[in-house]
N, C-alpha and C. Protein backbone atom coordinates (compact mmCIF):
# COMPACT_ATOMS: atom_id res chain seq x y z
N MET A 1 -47.48 -83.07 109.19
CA MET A 1 -46.99 -81.81 109.71
C MET A 1 -48.07 -81.15 110.57
N LEU A 2 -47.69 -80.63 111.73
CA LEU A 2 -48.66 -80.01 112.63
C LEU A 2 -48.99 -78.60 112.15
N PRO A 3 -50.22 -78.16 112.39
CA PRO A 3 -50.61 -76.79 112.00
C PRO A 3 -49.74 -75.75 112.70
N GLN A 4 -49.78 -74.52 112.18
CA GLN A 4 -48.96 -73.44 112.70
C GLN A 4 -49.39 -73.02 114.10
N TYR A 5 -50.62 -73.34 114.53
CA TYR A 5 -51.07 -72.91 115.84
C TYR A 5 -50.72 -73.91 116.92
N LEU A 6 -49.55 -74.54 116.80
CA LEU A 6 -49.05 -75.46 117.82
C LEU A 6 -48.97 -74.74 119.16
N LEU A 7 -49.24 -75.46 120.24
CA LEU A 7 -49.25 -74.93 121.60
C LEU A 7 -50.30 -73.84 121.77
N THR A 8 -51.52 -74.17 121.40
CA THR A 8 -52.62 -73.22 121.49
C THR A 8 -53.43 -73.36 122.77
N ALA A 9 -53.04 -74.27 123.64
CA ALA A 9 -53.81 -74.49 124.87
C ALA A 9 -52.90 -74.54 126.08
N ASN A 10 -53.41 -74.02 127.19
CA ASN A 10 -52.76 -74.21 128.48
C ASN A 10 -53.38 -75.45 129.10
N VAL A 11 -52.53 -76.38 129.52
CA VAL A 11 -52.98 -77.64 130.10
C VAL A 11 -52.29 -77.80 131.45
N SER A 12 -53.06 -78.19 132.46
CA SER A 12 -52.49 -78.40 133.80
C SER A 12 -51.32 -79.38 133.72
N SER A 13 -50.25 -79.10 134.44
CA SER A 13 -49.11 -80.03 134.47
C SER A 13 -49.18 -80.96 135.68
N ILE A 14 -49.85 -80.52 136.74
CA ILE A 14 -50.09 -81.34 137.93
C ILE A 14 -51.59 -81.41 138.12
N VAL A 15 -52.11 -82.61 138.29
CA VAL A 15 -53.55 -82.81 138.41
C VAL A 15 -53.85 -83.59 139.68
N TYR A 16 -54.78 -83.07 140.48
CA TYR A 16 -55.29 -83.80 141.65
C TYR A 16 -56.61 -84.44 141.26
N ASP A 17 -57.59 -83.64 140.91
CA ASP A 17 -58.89 -84.13 140.49
C ASP A 17 -59.28 -83.65 139.09
N LEU A 18 -58.95 -82.39 138.76
CA LEU A 18 -59.39 -81.79 137.50
C LEU A 18 -58.21 -81.43 136.60
N LEU A 19 -58.29 -81.87 135.36
CA LEU A 19 -57.35 -81.44 134.33
C LEU A 19 -58.00 -80.25 133.64
N LYS A 20 -57.38 -79.11 133.72
CA LYS A 20 -57.93 -77.89 133.12
C LYS A 20 -57.25 -77.64 131.77
N VAL A 21 -58.09 -77.41 130.75
CA VAL A 21 -57.59 -77.12 129.40
C VAL A 21 -58.20 -75.79 128.98
N GLU A 22 -57.35 -74.86 128.59
CA GLU A 22 -57.82 -73.55 128.14
C GLU A 22 -57.22 -73.25 126.77
N ILE A 23 -58.08 -73.10 125.77
CA ILE A 23 -57.64 -72.71 124.44
C ILE A 23 -57.29 -71.24 124.51
N VAL A 24 -56.09 -70.86 124.10
CA VAL A 24 -55.65 -69.48 124.26
C VAL A 24 -55.75 -68.66 122.97
N GLN A 25 -55.90 -69.30 121.84
CA GLN A 25 -56.00 -68.57 120.59
C GLN A 25 -57.47 -68.31 120.26
N SER A 26 -57.89 -67.05 120.34
CA SER A 26 -59.31 -66.71 120.22
C SER A 26 -59.93 -67.14 118.89
N SER A 27 -59.16 -67.24 117.84
CA SER A 27 -59.71 -67.66 116.54
C SER A 27 -60.17 -69.11 116.55
N LEU A 28 -59.79 -69.88 117.59
CA LEU A 28 -60.17 -71.29 117.67
C LEU A 28 -61.27 -71.57 118.68
N PHE A 29 -61.76 -70.55 119.38
CA PHE A 29 -62.69 -70.75 120.50
C PHE A 29 -63.92 -71.58 120.16
N ASN A 30 -64.52 -71.41 119.01
CA ASN A 30 -65.80 -72.05 118.70
C ASN A 30 -65.66 -73.39 117.99
N ASN A 31 -64.48 -73.97 117.99
CA ASN A 31 -64.26 -75.25 117.33
C ASN A 31 -64.56 -76.42 118.26
N LYS A 32 -64.78 -77.57 117.65
CA LYS A 32 -64.92 -78.81 118.42
C LYS A 32 -63.54 -79.47 118.45
N PHE A 33 -63.06 -79.74 119.66
CA PHE A 33 -61.76 -80.36 119.87
C PHE A 33 -61.96 -81.78 120.36
N GLU A 34 -61.08 -82.67 119.94
CA GLU A 34 -61.05 -84.02 120.46
C GLU A 34 -59.78 -84.14 121.30
N TYR A 35 -59.81 -85.06 122.25
CA TYR A 35 -58.61 -85.29 123.06
C TYR A 35 -58.47 -86.76 123.38
N LYS A 36 -57.23 -87.15 123.67
CA LYS A 36 -56.91 -88.48 124.17
C LYS A 36 -55.96 -88.30 125.34
N ILE A 37 -56.15 -89.09 126.36
CA ILE A 37 -55.21 -89.15 127.49
C ILE A 37 -54.61 -90.54 127.46
N CYS A 38 -53.27 -90.58 127.45
CA CYS A 38 -52.56 -91.85 127.34
C CYS A 38 -51.61 -92.04 128.50
N CYS A 39 -51.39 -93.31 128.88
CA CYS A 39 -50.39 -93.64 129.90
C CYS A 39 -49.03 -93.73 129.20
N PRO A 40 -47.95 -93.91 129.95
CA PRO A 40 -46.62 -93.89 129.34
C PRO A 40 -46.39 -94.87 128.18
N ASN A 41 -47.09 -95.99 128.14
CA ASN A 41 -46.91 -96.92 127.02
C ASN A 41 -47.83 -96.57 125.83
N GLU A 42 -48.40 -95.38 125.86
CA GLU A 42 -49.28 -94.82 124.81
C GLU A 42 -50.64 -95.52 124.70
N LYS A 43 -51.01 -96.30 125.69
CA LYS A 43 -52.35 -96.88 125.73
C LYS A 43 -53.34 -95.77 126.09
N ILE A 44 -54.43 -95.67 125.35
CA ILE A 44 -55.44 -94.65 125.60
C ILE A 44 -56.24 -95.03 126.85
N VAL A 45 -56.28 -94.13 127.83
CA VAL A 45 -57.06 -94.38 129.05
C VAL A 45 -58.34 -93.56 129.09
N ARG A 46 -58.41 -92.53 128.26
CA ARG A 46 -59.62 -91.72 128.17
C ARG A 46 -59.58 -90.92 126.87
N LYS A 47 -60.75 -90.73 126.27
CA LYS A 47 -60.85 -89.87 125.10
C LYS A 47 -62.22 -89.23 125.08
N GLY A 48 -62.32 -88.12 124.36
CA GLY A 48 -63.58 -87.41 124.30
C GLY A 48 -63.45 -86.18 123.45
N SER A 49 -64.42 -85.28 123.60
CA SER A 49 -64.40 -84.03 122.84
C SER A 49 -65.05 -82.93 123.66
N PHE A 50 -64.79 -81.70 123.25
CA PHE A 50 -65.40 -80.53 123.87
C PHE A 50 -65.44 -79.40 122.87
N THR A 51 -66.33 -78.46 123.10
CA THR A 51 -66.45 -77.27 122.26
C THR A 51 -66.29 -76.06 123.15
N GLY A 52 -65.55 -75.08 122.68
CA GLY A 52 -65.38 -73.86 123.45
C GLY A 52 -63.97 -73.70 123.96
N PRO A 53 -63.72 -72.58 124.63
CA PRO A 53 -62.35 -72.26 125.02
C PRO A 53 -61.87 -72.92 126.31
N ASN A 54 -62.76 -73.49 127.13
CA ASN A 54 -62.35 -74.06 128.41
C ASN A 54 -63.06 -75.37 128.69
N VAL A 55 -62.33 -76.28 129.34
CA VAL A 55 -62.94 -77.52 129.81
C VAL A 55 -62.17 -77.98 131.04
N GLN A 56 -62.88 -78.63 131.93
CA GLN A 56 -62.27 -79.26 133.10
C GLN A 56 -62.66 -80.73 133.06
N LEU A 57 -61.67 -81.59 133.03
CA LEU A 57 -61.91 -83.03 132.96
C LEU A 57 -61.65 -83.65 134.33
N ARG A 58 -62.64 -84.30 134.88
CA ARG A 58 -62.48 -84.92 136.20
C ARG A 58 -61.70 -86.22 136.04
N LEU A 59 -60.55 -86.28 136.68
CA LEU A 59 -59.68 -87.45 136.59
C LEU A 59 -59.45 -88.10 137.95
N SER A 60 -60.33 -87.85 138.90
CA SER A 60 -60.13 -88.33 140.26
C SER A 60 -60.06 -89.85 140.35
N LEU A 61 -60.65 -90.58 139.43
CA LEU A 61 -60.62 -92.04 139.48
C LEU A 61 -59.40 -92.64 138.78
N MET A 62 -58.61 -91.82 138.12
CA MET A 62 -57.40 -92.33 137.47
C MET A 62 -56.31 -92.57 138.51
N GLN A 63 -55.47 -93.54 138.25
CA GLN A 63 -54.36 -93.84 139.13
C GLN A 63 -53.30 -92.76 139.05
N GLU A 64 -52.52 -92.64 140.12
CA GLU A 64 -51.39 -91.71 140.10
C GLU A 64 -50.41 -92.12 139.01
N GLY A 65 -49.72 -91.14 138.45
CA GLY A 65 -48.70 -91.44 137.45
C GLY A 65 -48.57 -90.33 136.43
N LYS A 66 -47.72 -90.58 135.48
CA LYS A 66 -47.49 -89.62 134.40
C LYS A 66 -48.32 -90.03 133.19
N TYR A 67 -48.92 -89.03 132.55
CA TYR A 67 -49.78 -89.24 131.40
C TYR A 67 -49.47 -88.21 130.33
N SER A 68 -49.99 -88.45 129.14
CA SER A 68 -49.88 -87.47 128.07
C SER A 68 -51.28 -87.08 127.62
N PHE A 69 -51.41 -85.81 127.23
CA PHE A 69 -52.67 -85.25 126.75
C PHE A 69 -52.46 -84.85 125.30
N HIS A 70 -53.28 -85.42 124.41
CA HIS A 70 -53.19 -85.14 122.98
C HIS A 70 -54.44 -84.38 122.57
N LEU A 71 -54.26 -83.21 121.97
CA LEU A 71 -55.38 -82.36 121.56
C LEU A 71 -55.46 -82.36 120.04
N PHE A 72 -56.67 -82.58 119.52
CA PHE A 72 -56.88 -82.67 118.07
C PHE A 72 -57.91 -81.66 117.61
N LEU A 73 -57.71 -81.17 116.40
CA LEU A 73 -58.68 -80.30 115.72
C LEU A 73 -58.79 -80.82 114.29
N ASN A 74 -60.00 -81.13 113.87
CA ASN A 74 -60.25 -81.66 112.53
C ASN A 74 -59.40 -82.89 112.23
N GLY A 75 -59.22 -83.75 113.23
CA GLY A 75 -58.49 -84.99 113.03
C GLY A 75 -56.98 -84.87 113.08
N GLU A 76 -56.45 -83.66 113.24
CA GLU A 76 -55.00 -83.46 113.30
C GLU A 76 -54.58 -83.06 114.70
N MET A 77 -53.51 -83.68 115.19
CA MET A 77 -53.02 -83.33 116.52
C MET A 77 -52.42 -81.93 116.47
N ILE A 78 -52.90 -81.07 117.38
CA ILE A 78 -52.39 -79.70 117.42
C ILE A 78 -51.57 -79.43 118.69
N GLN A 79 -51.64 -80.35 119.65
CA GLN A 79 -50.83 -80.16 120.85
C GLN A 79 -50.65 -81.49 121.57
N TYR A 80 -49.48 -81.62 122.17
CA TYR A 80 -49.12 -82.77 122.99
C TYR A 80 -48.56 -82.20 124.28
N SER A 81 -49.13 -82.59 125.41
CA SER A 81 -48.67 -82.09 126.71
C SER A 81 -48.58 -83.25 127.69
N GLY A 82 -47.61 -83.19 128.57
CA GLY A 82 -47.50 -84.18 129.62
C GLY A 82 -48.05 -83.63 130.92
N PHE A 83 -48.58 -84.50 131.78
CA PHE A 83 -49.02 -84.08 133.11
C PHE A 83 -48.84 -85.23 134.08
N GLU A 84 -48.86 -84.89 135.36
CA GLU A 84 -48.74 -85.90 136.40
C GLU A 84 -50.00 -85.88 137.25
N LYS A 85 -50.59 -87.05 137.44
CA LYS A 85 -51.78 -87.21 138.28
C LYS A 85 -51.29 -87.59 139.67
N ILE A 86 -51.69 -86.80 140.67
CA ILE A 86 -51.30 -87.02 142.06
C ILE A 86 -52.58 -87.18 142.88
N SER A 87 -52.58 -88.13 143.76
CA SER A 87 -53.72 -88.35 144.63
C SER A 87 -53.83 -87.22 145.64
N ALA A 88 -54.99 -86.63 145.77
CA ALA A 88 -55.20 -85.57 146.76
C ALA A 88 -54.99 -86.11 148.17
N LEU A 89 -55.25 -87.39 148.39
CA LEU A 89 -55.08 -87.99 149.71
C LEU A 89 -53.61 -88.02 150.14
N ALA A 90 -52.69 -87.99 149.19
CA ALA A 90 -51.27 -88.05 149.50
C ALA A 90 -50.81 -86.77 150.21
N TYR A 91 -51.60 -85.69 150.11
CA TYR A 91 -51.20 -84.41 150.70
C TYR A 91 -52.07 -83.99 151.87
N ASN A 92 -52.89 -84.89 152.39
CA ASN A 92 -53.74 -84.57 153.55
C ASN A 92 -53.02 -84.85 154.84
């Protein structure tokens, strides 16, 4: 069962180079968060961690497509968000 603070972060839905993650619940600001980014077949393409209310993840080397962002706190998933990676060159 997911914790009650589900949907505690704003996550970019369209990404060119940077995926922006902002924790919106102030009681969680000083925690260490883990994340996984997965492609549609749920294969992990990137994972890591951050501390604090904001992080920007550079995804410029990832291929275009749809991905999922999984946010964890203390080993439990607290949010699942989808996003689309678009090449900045496609809009020049």
